[in-house]
Amino acid sequence: MKSLLPSATSLSADSIEDEMAGIGFTSLLVRFGMAPLPVDTGWFALPLRLVVGFGFVQHGYAKLSRGPDGFIAILHAIGVPFADLLGWAAIIVEIVGGLLILAGALVPIAAVPMIAVLLVAIFTVHLPNGFSSIKLMSYDTSGAHFGQPGYETDLLYIAGLLALCLGGAGPLSVDGYLKRRPAKGANEHERI
């Protein structure tokens, strides 16, 4: 069978260098151009945890710093039952859940109430506004003016939380540390 590549005797030194450069580029493209990158796959969790955790803490802190009564009044206005209780619950879930995600601690447990808060936000506020979270309405000398946000960002947060639940919190996390640490009874059992 005839080779599709030219024989080594028909190649000049320059064309051999060109071939090698092409192979190097291809190797580089294969190595860094396709997922996963050549690093421990657990590291995907760190940027995800930082963005999702900080986002939740920031939203909870904003509600708290502006006065929880304003947020609770909005819940009353849109007809949420037990608005006082659920308003405080949302604030606590956002702050505590966000801190747990930042630390990578108890991620699946923290994710459940966080996803519940996001689903409530989607169905009570964002769904009528459509998918897009960025709706540029106009631009003038005072800057950009945007319309009501849709449910896109809520879905991104849910996807991030689910990815962390499925893939783990990563190596720089409380969950990762606890998984690497030997079980308390394991050493005693080995000594017997």
N, C-alpha and C. Protein backbone atom coordinates (compact mmCIF):
# COMPACT_ATOMS: atom_id res chain seq x y z
N MET A 1 0.85 -1.18 0.00
CA MET A 1 0.00 0.00 0.00
C MET A 1 0.89 1.23 0.00
N LYS A 2 0.57 2.18 -0.81
CA LYS A 2 1.37 3.39 -0.96
C LYS A 2 1.02 4.39 0.14
N SER A 3 2.05 4.97 0.74
CA SER A 3 1.86 5.97 1.80
C SER A 3 1.38 7.28 1.20
N LEU A 4 0.50 7.95 1.91
CA LEU A 4 0.01 9.25 1.46
C LEU A 4 1.03 10.35 1.73
N LEU A 5 1.99 10.08 2.64
CA LEU A 5 3.02 11.06 2.95
C LEU A 5 4.19 10.90 1.99
N PRO A 6 4.85 11.98 1.60
CA PRO A 6 6.00 11.86 0.72
C PRO A 6 7.13 11.14 1.45
N SER A 7 7.98 10.45 0.70
CA SER A 7 9.08 9.73 1.32
C SER A 7 10.09 10.71 1.90
N ALA A 8 10.86 10.24 2.88
CA ALA A 8 11.83 11.10 3.55
C ALA A 8 12.90 11.57 2.58
N THR A 9 13.20 10.78 1.56
CA THR A 9 14.25 11.18 0.62
C THR A 9 13.78 12.31 -0.29
N SER A 10 12.47 12.46 -0.49
CA SER A 10 11.99 13.51 -1.38
C SER A 10 11.76 14.83 -0.65
N LEU A 11 11.92 14.84 0.66
CA LEU A 11 11.69 16.06 1.43
C LEU A 11 12.99 16.81 1.66
N SER A 12 12.95 18.11 1.53
CA SER A 12 14.11 18.92 1.86
C SER A 12 14.11 19.20 3.35
N ALA A 13 15.20 19.73 3.85
CA ALA A 13 15.30 20.07 5.29
C ALA A 13 14.22 21.08 5.67
N ASP A 14 13.96 22.06 4.80
CA ASP A 14 12.92 23.06 5.10
C ASP A 14 11.54 22.43 5.17
N SER A 15 11.23 21.52 4.26
CA SER A 15 9.89 20.91 4.27
C SER A 15 9.73 19.99 5.47
N ILE A 16 10.83 19.35 5.92
CA ILE A 16 10.75 18.52 7.12
C ILE A 16 10.43 19.40 8.34
N GLU A 17 11.09 20.57 8.43
CA GLU A 17 10.79 21.50 9.52
C GLU A 17 9.34 21.95 9.46
N ASP A 18 8.85 22.21 8.24
CA ASP A 18 7.44 22.62 8.08
C ASP A 18 6.50 21.51 8.56
N GLU A 19 6.82 20.25 8.19
CA GLU A 19 6.00 19.12 8.63
C GLU A 19 6.00 19.01 10.15
N MET A 20 7.18 19.16 10.76
CA MET A 20 7.29 19.06 12.21
C MET A 20 6.53 20.19 12.90
N ALA A 21 6.63 21.38 12.32
CA ALA A 21 5.89 22.51 12.89
C ALA A 21 4.40 22.24 12.82
N GLY A 22 3.95 21.68 11.69
CA GLY A 22 2.53 21.33 11.55
C GLY A 22 2.10 20.31 12.56
N ILE A 23 2.95 19.31 12.80
CA ILE A 23 2.65 18.29 13.80
C ILE A 23 2.61 18.91 15.18
N GLY A 24 3.57 19.83 15.48
CA GLY A 24 3.59 20.50 16.78
C GLY A 24 2.35 21.34 17.00
N PHE A 25 1.93 22.05 15.95
CA PHE A 25 0.72 22.85 16.07
C PHE A 25 -0.49 21.96 16.30
N THR A 26 -0.54 20.86 15.55
CA THR A 26 -1.66 19.93 15.70
C THR A 26 -1.67 19.36 17.10
N SER A 27 -0.50 18.98 17.59
CA SER A 27 -0.40 18.45 18.95
C SER A 27 -0.84 19.50 19.98
N LEU A 28 -0.40 20.73 19.78
CA LEU A 28 -0.79 21.81 20.67
C LEU A 28 -2.29 22.06 20.61
N LEU A 29 -2.83 22.02 19.40
CA LEU A 29 -4.28 22.22 19.22
C LEU A 29 -5.06 21.11 19.91
N VAL A 30 -4.60 19.87 19.74
CA VAL A 30 -5.29 18.75 20.38
C VAL A 30 -5.18 18.86 21.90
N ARG A 31 -4.01 19.27 22.38
CA ARG A 31 -3.79 19.32 23.83
C ARG A 31 -4.56 20.45 24.50
N PHE A 32 -4.56 21.64 23.89
CA PHE A 32 -5.18 22.80 24.54
C PHE A 32 -6.45 23.31 23.85
N GLY A 33 -6.79 22.73 22.71
CA GLY A 33 -7.96 23.22 21.98
C GLY A 33 -9.22 22.43 22.22
N MET A 34 -9.10 21.33 22.94
CA MET A 34 -10.27 20.51 23.21
C MET A 34 -10.38 20.28 24.72
N ALA A 35 -11.58 20.14 25.17
CA ALA A 35 -11.82 19.92 26.60
C ALA A 35 -11.71 18.44 26.91
N PRO A 36 -11.32 18.06 28.10
CA PRO A 36 -10.81 18.93 29.14
C PRO A 36 -9.36 19.32 28.90
N LEU A 37 -8.99 20.48 29.43
CA LEU A 37 -7.60 20.92 29.35
C LEU A 37 -6.73 19.97 30.16
N PRO A 38 -5.43 19.96 29.90
CA PRO A 38 -4.55 19.01 30.60
C PRO A 38 -4.24 19.43 32.04
N VAL A 39 -5.27 19.59 32.82
CA VAL A 39 -5.14 19.85 34.25
C VAL A 39 -6.14 18.94 34.96
N ASP A 40 -5.97 18.80 36.24
CA ASP A 40 -6.91 17.99 37.02
C ASP A 40 -8.32 18.50 36.79
N THR A 41 -9.22 17.62 36.39
CA THR A 41 -10.58 18.05 36.04
C THR A 41 -11.35 18.62 37.23
N GLY A 42 -10.90 18.36 38.43
CA GLY A 42 -11.57 18.92 39.61
C GLY A 42 -11.48 20.44 39.70
N TRP A 43 -10.52 21.02 38.99
CA TRP A 43 -10.33 22.47 39.07
C TRP A 43 -11.45 23.25 38.39
N PHE A 44 -12.31 22.57 37.60
CA PHE A 44 -13.44 23.28 36.99
C PHE A 44 -14.31 23.93 38.06
N ALA A 45 -14.33 23.32 39.22
CA ALA A 45 -15.25 23.75 40.27
C ALA A 45 -14.89 25.09 40.88
N LEU A 46 -13.61 25.42 40.91
CA LEU A 46 -13.19 26.63 41.61
C LEU A 46 -13.80 27.90 41.01
N PRO A 47 -13.64 28.17 39.71
CA PRO A 47 -14.28 29.40 39.20
C PRO A 47 -15.80 29.35 39.30
N LEU A 48 -16.36 28.17 39.15
CA LEU A 48 -17.82 28.04 39.27
C LEU A 48 -18.27 28.36 40.69
N ARG A 49 -17.56 27.82 41.67
CA ARG A 49 -17.90 28.10 43.07
C ARG A 49 -17.75 29.58 43.40
N LEU A 50 -16.68 30.20 42.90
CA LEU A 50 -16.46 31.61 43.20
C LEU A 50 -17.57 32.49 42.64
N VAL A 51 -17.98 32.23 41.41
CA VAL A 51 -19.01 33.06 40.78
C VAL A 51 -20.38 32.80 41.40
N VAL A 52 -20.76 31.53 41.52
CA VAL A 52 -22.08 31.20 42.07
C VAL A 52 -22.17 31.60 43.54
N GLY A 53 -21.16 31.25 44.32
CA GLY A 53 -21.19 31.57 45.75
C GLY A 53 -21.21 33.07 46.00
N PHE A 54 -20.31 33.80 45.32
CA PHE A 54 -20.28 35.25 45.50
C PHE A 54 -21.58 35.89 45.03
N GLY A 55 -22.12 35.41 43.91
CA GLY A 55 -23.39 35.96 43.41
C GLY A 55 -24.51 35.83 44.42
N PHE A 56 -24.62 34.66 45.03
CA PHE A 56 -25.67 34.46 46.03
C PHE A 56 -25.45 35.33 47.26
N VAL A 57 -24.21 35.38 47.75
CA VAL A 57 -23.93 36.22 48.93
C VAL A 57 -24.26 37.67 48.61
N GLN A 58 -23.88 38.13 47.43
CA GLN A 58 -24.12 39.51 47.04
C GLN A 58 -25.62 39.83 46.99
N HIS A 59 -26.40 38.92 46.41
CA HIS A 59 -27.86 39.15 46.33
C HIS A 59 -28.50 39.15 47.73
N GLY A 60 -28.08 38.23 48.57
CA GLY A 60 -28.61 38.20 49.94
C GLY A 60 -28.21 39.43 50.73
N TYR A 61 -26.95 39.84 50.60
CA TYR A 61 -26.47 41.02 51.31
C TYR A 61 -27.19 42.28 50.83
N ALA A 62 -27.45 42.37 49.53
CA ALA A 62 -28.17 43.54 48.99
C ALA A 62 -29.56 43.64 49.61
N LYS A 63 -30.25 42.54 49.74
CA LYS A 63 -31.58 42.55 50.35
C LYS A 63 -31.48 42.97 51.82
N LEU A 64 -30.46 42.48 52.50
CA LEU A 64 -30.28 42.78 53.91
C LEU A 64 -29.88 44.24 54.11
N SER A 65 -28.95 44.73 53.31
CA SER A 65 -28.44 46.09 53.50
C SER A 65 -29.47 47.16 53.12
N ARG A 66 -30.34 46.86 52.18
CA ARG A 66 -31.39 47.83 51.80
C ARG A 66 -32.55 47.79 52.77
N GLY A 67 -32.53 46.82 53.63
CA GLY A 67 -33.63 46.65 54.58
C GLY A 67 -34.52 45.51 54.11
N PRO A 68 -34.60 44.44 54.88
CA PRO A 68 -35.41 43.28 54.50
C PRO A 68 -36.88 43.63 54.29
N ASP A 69 -37.34 44.70 54.94
CA ASP A 69 -38.75 45.07 54.80
C ASP A 69 -39.10 45.42 53.36
N GLY A 70 -38.18 46.03 52.63
CA GLY A 70 -38.43 46.36 51.23
C GLY A 70 -38.61 45.10 50.39
N PHE A 71 -37.76 44.10 50.59
CA PHE A 71 -37.88 42.84 49.86
C PHE A 71 -39.16 42.12 50.26
N ILE A 72 -39.47 42.12 51.53
CA ILE A 72 -40.69 41.45 52.01
C ILE A 72 -41.93 42.15 51.45
N ALA A 73 -41.89 43.48 51.34
CA ALA A 73 -43.01 44.22 50.74
C ALA A 73 -43.21 43.82 49.28
N ILE A 74 -42.12 43.59 48.56
CA ILE A 74 -42.22 43.13 47.16
C ILE A 74 -42.87 41.75 47.12
N LEU A 75 -42.49 40.88 48.03
CA LEU A 75 -43.10 39.55 48.07
C LEU A 75 -44.59 39.63 48.35
N HIS A 76 -44.98 40.52 49.28
CA HIS A 76 -46.42 40.75 49.54
C HIS A 76 -47.11 41.23 48.27
N ALA A 77 -46.49 42.16 47.57
CA ALA A 77 -47.10 42.76 46.37
C ALA A 77 -47.33 41.74 45.26
N ILE A 78 -46.44 40.76 45.14
CA ILE A 78 -46.64 39.77 44.07
C ILE A 78 -47.45 38.56 44.55
N GLY A 79 -47.92 38.61 45.79
CA GLY A 79 -48.84 37.59 46.29
C GLY A 79 -48.19 36.34 46.84
N VAL A 80 -46.96 36.43 47.30
CA VAL A 80 -46.28 35.26 47.88
C VAL A 80 -46.87 35.02 49.27
N PRO A 81 -47.35 33.80 49.55
CA PRO A 81 -47.88 33.52 50.88
C PRO A 81 -46.73 33.49 51.91
N PHE A 82 -47.05 33.83 53.14
CA PHE A 82 -46.06 33.85 54.23
C PHE A 82 -44.84 34.68 53.84
N ALA A 83 -45.09 35.86 53.28
CA ALA A 83 -44.02 36.71 52.74
C ALA A 83 -42.96 37.05 53.78
N ASP A 84 -43.37 37.29 55.03
CA ASP A 84 -42.39 37.63 56.07
C ASP A 84 -41.42 36.47 56.29
N LEU A 85 -41.96 35.29 56.48
CA LEU A 85 -41.14 34.10 56.71
C LEU A 85 -40.28 33.77 55.48
N LEU A 86 -40.91 33.75 54.32
CA LEU A 86 -40.18 33.38 53.10
C LEU A 86 -39.16 34.44 52.68
N GLY A 87 -39.44 35.70 53.00
CA GLY A 87 -38.47 36.75 52.70
C GLY A 87 -37.19 36.55 53.48
N TRP A 88 -37.33 36.31 54.78
CA TRP A 88 -36.15 36.07 55.61
C TRP A 88 -35.47 34.76 55.21
N ALA A 89 -36.27 33.74 54.88
CA ALA A 89 -35.69 32.46 54.45
C ALA A 89 -34.84 32.64 53.19
N ALA A 90 -35.34 33.43 52.24
CA ALA A 90 -34.59 33.67 51.00
C ALA A 90 -33.27 34.38 51.29
N ILE A 91 -33.31 35.37 52.14
CA ILE A 91 -32.09 36.11 52.50
C ILE A 91 -31.07 35.18 53.16
N ILE A 92 -31.54 34.37 54.10
CA ILE A 92 -30.64 33.44 54.80
C ILE A 92 -30.08 32.40 53.84
N VAL A 93 -30.94 31.86 52.97
CA VAL A 93 -30.48 30.86 51.99
C VAL A 93 -29.43 31.47 51.07
N GLU A 94 -29.66 32.70 50.63
CA GLU A 94 -28.70 33.32 49.72
C GLU A 94 -27.35 33.57 50.40
N ILE A 95 -27.37 34.07 51.63
CA ILE A 95 -26.10 34.38 52.30
C ILE A 95 -25.40 33.11 52.78
N VAL A 96 -26.09 32.28 53.53
CA VAL A 96 -25.47 31.06 54.07
C VAL A 96 -25.15 30.08 52.95
N GLY A 97 -26.08 29.89 52.02
CA GLY A 97 -25.82 28.99 50.90
C GLY A 97 -24.66 29.48 50.05
N GLY A 98 -24.60 30.77 49.80
CA GLY A 98 -23.50 31.33 49.04
C GLY A 98 -22.16 31.11 49.72
N LEU A 99 -22.13 31.29 51.04
CA LEU A 99 -20.88 31.06 51.79
C LEU A 99 -20.48 29.58 51.75
N LEU A 100 -21.46 28.68 51.85
CA LEU A 100 -21.16 27.25 51.76
C LEU A 100 -20.60 26.88 50.39
N ILE A 101 -21.18 27.46 49.33
CA ILE A 101 -20.68 27.19 47.98
C ILE A 101 -19.27 27.76 47.82
N LEU A 102 -19.03 28.97 48.30
CA LEU A 102 -17.69 29.55 48.24
C LEU A 102 -16.66 28.65 48.92
N ALA A 103 -17.02 28.09 50.06
CA ALA A 103 -16.11 27.22 50.80
C ALA A 103 -16.08 25.81 50.22
N GLY A 104 -17.05 25.49 49.39
CA GLY A 104 -17.14 24.12 48.87
C GLY A 104 -17.53 23.14 49.96
N ALA A 105 -18.45 23.56 50.83
CA ALA A 105 -18.86 22.74 51.96
C ALA A 105 -20.32 22.32 51.82
N LEU A 106 -20.56 21.04 51.93
CA LEU A 106 -21.93 20.50 51.88
C LEU A 106 -22.67 20.98 50.63
N VAL A 107 -22.01 20.96 49.50
CA VAL A 107 -22.54 21.54 48.27
C VAL A 107 -23.91 20.97 47.89
N PRO A 108 -24.11 19.64 47.85
CA PRO A 108 -25.44 19.14 47.46
C PRO A 108 -26.54 19.57 48.42
N ILE A 109 -26.22 19.63 49.72
CA ILE A 109 -27.22 20.05 50.71
C ILE A 109 -27.53 21.53 50.55
N ALA A 110 -26.51 22.35 50.35
CA ALA A 110 -26.72 23.79 50.17
C ALA A 110 -27.47 24.09 48.87
N ALA A 111 -27.23 23.28 47.85
CA ALA A 111 -27.82 23.54 46.53
C ALA A 111 -29.34 23.40 46.52
N VAL A 112 -29.88 22.51 47.33
CA VAL A 112 -31.34 22.26 47.29
C VAL A 112 -32.14 23.52 47.61
N PRO A 113 -31.94 24.19 48.76
CA PRO A 113 -32.73 25.41 49.00
C PRO A 113 -32.36 26.55 48.04
N MET A 114 -31.10 26.57 47.57
CA MET A 114 -30.70 27.62 46.64
C MET A 114 -31.45 27.46 45.31
N ILE A 115 -31.57 26.24 44.83
CA ILE A 115 -32.32 25.99 43.59
C ILE A 115 -33.79 26.30 43.81
N ALA A 116 -34.31 26.00 44.99
CA ALA A 116 -35.72 26.33 45.30
C ALA A 116 -35.94 27.84 45.21
N VAL A 117 -35.03 28.64 45.77
CA VAL A 117 -35.14 30.10 45.70
C VAL A 117 -35.12 30.56 44.23
N LEU A 118 -34.24 29.97 43.44
CA LEU A 118 -34.16 30.35 42.02
C LEU A 118 -35.43 29.98 41.26
N LEU A 119 -35.99 28.81 41.53
CA LEU A 119 -37.22 28.41 40.86
C LEU A 119 -38.39 29.33 41.23
N VAL A 120 -38.45 29.71 42.51
CA VAL A 120 -39.50 30.66 42.93
C VAL A 120 -39.31 31.99 42.18
N ALA A 121 -38.07 32.46 42.07
CA ALA A 121 -37.81 33.71 41.36
C ALA A 121 -38.21 33.60 39.89
N ILE A 122 -37.92 32.46 39.28
CA ILE A 122 -38.29 32.28 37.86
C ILE A 122 -39.79 32.36 37.69
N PHE A 123 -40.53 31.59 38.50
CA PHE A 123 -41.97 31.48 38.29
C PHE A 123 -42.78 32.64 38.84
N THR A 124 -42.23 33.41 39.78
CA THR A 124 -42.99 34.54 40.32
C THR A 124 -42.61 35.88 39.70
N VAL A 125 -41.38 36.00 39.17
CA VAL A 125 -40.91 37.30 38.71
C VAL A 125 -40.43 37.27 37.25
N HIS A 126 -39.54 36.37 36.91
CA HIS A 126 -38.80 36.46 35.65
C HIS A 126 -39.47 35.82 34.44
N LEU A 127 -40.30 34.82 34.63
CA LEU A 127 -40.89 34.09 33.50
C LEU A 127 -41.65 34.98 32.52
N PRO A 128 -42.46 35.92 32.98
CA PRO A 128 -43.18 36.77 32.01
C PRO A 128 -42.25 37.66 31.17
N ASN A 129 -41.00 37.84 31.63
CA ASN A 129 -40.06 38.71 30.92
C ASN A 129 -39.26 37.98 29.85
N GLY A 130 -39.52 36.70 29.65
CA GLY A 130 -38.81 35.94 28.64
C GLY A 130 -37.46 35.44 29.13
N PHE A 131 -36.68 34.90 28.19
CA PHE A 131 -35.42 34.25 28.53
C PHE A 131 -34.30 35.23 28.87
N SER A 132 -34.06 36.20 28.03
CA SER A 132 -32.88 37.05 28.13
C SER A 132 -32.86 37.89 29.40
N SER A 133 -31.68 37.92 30.02
CA SER A 133 -31.51 38.74 31.22
C SER A 133 -31.05 40.15 30.89
N ILE A 134 -30.61 40.36 29.66
CA ILE A 134 -30.13 41.68 29.26
C ILE A 134 -30.99 42.17 28.11
N LYS A 135 -31.78 43.19 28.39
CA LYS A 135 -32.66 43.77 27.38
C LYS A 135 -32.35 45.26 27.26
N LEU A 136 -31.43 45.58 26.38
CA LEU A 136 -31.06 46.98 26.18
C LEU A 136 -32.23 47.70 25.54
N MET A 137 -32.76 48.68 26.24
CA MET A 137 -33.93 49.43 25.75
C MET A 137 -33.50 50.70 25.04
N SER A 138 -32.52 51.38 25.62
CA SER A 138 -32.06 52.63 25.01
C SER A 138 -30.71 53.00 25.60
N TYR A 139 -30.11 54.00 24.96
CA TYR A 139 -28.83 54.52 25.44
C TYR A 139 -28.84 56.02 25.23
N ASP A 140 -28.48 56.77 26.27
CA ASP A 140 -28.41 58.22 26.15
C ASP A 140 -27.22 58.73 26.96
N THR A 141 -27.18 60.01 27.21
CA THR A 141 -26.03 60.60 27.90
C THR A 141 -25.87 60.08 29.33
N SER A 142 -26.95 59.59 29.93
CA SER A 142 -26.83 59.04 31.29
C SER A 142 -26.45 57.56 31.27
N GLY A 143 -26.34 56.95 30.11
CA GLY A 143 -25.90 55.56 30.01
C GLY A 143 -26.96 54.65 29.42
N ALA A 144 -26.75 53.36 29.61
CA ALA A 144 -27.65 52.34 29.07
C ALA A 144 -28.86 52.18 29.98
N HIS A 145 -29.99 51.90 29.36
CA HIS A 145 -31.24 51.65 30.09
C HIS A 145 -31.74 50.28 29.68
N PHE A 146 -32.02 49.45 30.68
CA PHE A 146 -32.39 48.07 30.43
C PHE A 146 -33.81 47.79 30.87
N GLY A 147 -34.43 46.80 30.21
CA GLY A 147 -35.76 46.34 30.57
C GLY A 147 -35.68 45.30 31.68
N GLN A 148 -36.83 44.75 32.03
CA GLN A 148 -36.90 43.75 33.11
C GLN A 148 -36.15 42.48 32.71
N PRO A 149 -35.36 41.92 33.62
CA PRO A 149 -34.59 40.72 33.28
C PRO A 149 -35.46 39.48 33.20
N GLY A 150 -35.07 38.58 32.31
CA GLY A 150 -35.73 37.29 32.17
C GLY A 150 -35.10 36.25 33.08
N TYR A 151 -35.33 34.99 32.77
CA TYR A 151 -34.91 33.90 33.65
C TYR A 151 -33.56 33.28 33.27
N GLU A 152 -32.85 33.86 32.33
CA GLU A 152 -31.57 33.33 31.88
C GLU A 152 -30.57 33.17 33.01
N THR A 153 -30.36 34.19 33.81
CA THR A 153 -29.37 34.14 34.88
C THR A 153 -29.76 33.10 35.94
N ASP A 154 -31.04 33.00 36.23
CA ASP A 154 -31.48 31.98 37.19
C ASP A 154 -31.13 30.58 36.69
N LEU A 155 -31.35 30.34 35.40
CA LEU A 155 -31.01 29.03 34.83
C LEU A 155 -29.50 28.78 34.87
N LEU A 156 -28.71 29.82 34.63
CA LEU A 156 -27.26 29.67 34.71
C LEU A 156 -26.82 29.30 36.13
N TYR A 157 -27.41 29.94 37.12
CA TYR A 157 -27.10 29.60 38.52
C TYR A 157 -27.50 28.15 38.81
N ILE A 158 -28.68 27.74 38.35
CA ILE A 158 -29.12 26.36 38.57
C ILE A 158 -28.15 25.38 37.89
N ALA A 159 -27.75 25.68 36.66
CA ALA A 159 -26.80 24.82 35.95
C ALA A 159 -25.47 24.74 36.70
N GLY A 160 -25.00 25.87 37.22
CA GLY A 160 -23.76 25.88 38.00
C GLY A 160 -23.87 25.04 39.26
N LEU A 161 -24.98 25.17 39.97
CA LEU A 161 -25.18 24.38 41.19
C LEU A 161 -25.26 22.89 40.87
N LEU A 162 -25.97 22.53 39.81
CA LEU A 162 -26.07 21.12 39.42
C LEU A 162 -24.70 20.58 39.00
N ALA A 163 -23.92 21.37 38.27
CA ALA A 163 -22.58 20.94 37.87
C ALA A 163 -21.72 20.68 39.10
N LEU A 164 -21.82 21.53 40.11
CA LEU A 164 -21.05 21.33 41.34
C LEU A 164 -21.52 20.09 42.10
N CYS A 165 -22.82 19.83 42.08
CA CYS A 165 -23.35 18.63 42.73
C CYS A 165 -22.87 17.37 42.02
N LEU A 166 -22.86 17.39 40.69
CA LEU A 166 -22.47 16.22 39.91
C LEU A 166 -20.96 16.02 39.86
N GLY A 167 -20.21 17.11 39.74
CA GLY A 167 -18.77 17.01 39.57
C GLY A 167 -17.97 17.17 40.84
N GLY A 168 -18.59 17.62 41.90
CA GLY A 168 -17.89 17.83 43.17
C GLY A 168 -17.41 19.25 43.31
N ALA A 169 -17.00 19.59 44.51
CA ALA A 169 -16.58 20.95 44.83
C ALA A 169 -15.13 21.23 44.48
N GLY A 170 -14.38 20.21 44.08
CA GLY A 170 -13.00 20.42 43.66
C GLY A 170 -11.99 20.27 44.78
N PRO A 171 -10.70 20.37 44.40
CA PRO A 171 -9.64 20.12 45.38
C PRO A 171 -9.50 21.18 46.47
N LEU A 172 -9.76 22.44 46.18
CA LEU A 172 -9.66 23.49 47.20
C LEU A 172 -11.03 23.73 47.82
N SER A 173 -11.53 22.74 48.52
CA SER A 173 -12.86 22.85 49.12
C SER A 173 -12.93 22.05 50.41
N VAL A 174 -13.87 22.39 51.24
CA VAL A 174 -14.10 21.63 52.47
C VAL A 174 -14.52 20.21 52.10
N ASP A 175 -15.43 20.06 51.15
CA ASP A 175 -15.87 18.72 50.73
C ASP A 175 -14.69 17.90 50.22
N GLY A 176 -13.82 18.52 49.41
CA GLY A 176 -12.64 17.83 48.89
C GLY A 176 -11.71 17.39 50.00
N TYR A 177 -11.51 18.26 50.99
CA TYR A 177 -10.66 17.93 52.13
C TYR A 177 -11.23 16.75 52.91
N LEU A 178 -12.53 16.78 53.17
CA LEU A 178 -13.17 15.70 53.93
C LEU A 178 -13.11 14.37 53.18
N LYS A 179 -13.19 14.40 51.86
CA LYS A 179 -13.11 13.17 51.08
C LYS A 179 -11.69 12.60 51.08
N ARG A 180 -10.67 13.46 51.10
CA ARG A 180 -9.28 13.00 51.10
C ARG A 180 -8.83 12.49 52.46
N ARG A 181 -9.45 13.00 53.51
CA ARG A 181 -9.07 12.62 54.87
C ARG A 181 -9.54 11.20 55.14
N PRO A 182 -8.68 10.36 55.71
CA PRO A 182 -9.11 8.98 56.00
C PRO A 182 -10.21 8.96 57.06
N ALA A 183 -11.08 8.00 56.93
CA ALA A 183 -12.16 7.85 57.91
C ALA A 183 -11.57 7.57 59.29
N LYS A 184 -12.26 8.02 60.32
CA LYS A 184 -11.75 7.92 61.69
C LYS A 184 -11.51 6.45 62.10
N GLY A 185 -12.40 5.57 61.78
CA GLY A 185 -12.27 4.17 62.18
C GLY A 185 -11.37 3.37 61.24
N ALA A 186 -10.92 3.93 60.12
CA ALA A 186 -10.14 3.16 59.14
C ALA A 186 -8.79 2.77 59.70
N ASN A 187 -8.10 3.66 60.39
CA ASN A 187 -6.78 3.34 60.94
C ASN A 187 -6.87 2.31 62.06
N GLU A 188 -7.90 2.40 62.90
CA GLU A 188 -8.06 1.43 63.99
C GLU A 188 -8.29 0.04 63.42
N HIS A 189 -9.08 -0.07 62.36
CA HIS A 189 -9.39 -1.35 61.75
C HIS A 189 -8.12 -1.98 61.14
N GLU A 190 -7.24 -1.16 60.57
CA GLU A 190 -6.01 -1.67 59.97
C GLU A 190 -5.07 -2.20 61.04
N ARG A 191 -5.08 -1.63 62.24
CA ARG A 191 -4.18 -2.08 63.31
C ARG A 191 -4.58 -3.40 63.90
N ILE A 192 -5.81 -3.78 63.80
CA ILE A 192 -6.31 -5.02 64.43
C ILE A 192 -5.88 -6.22 63.66
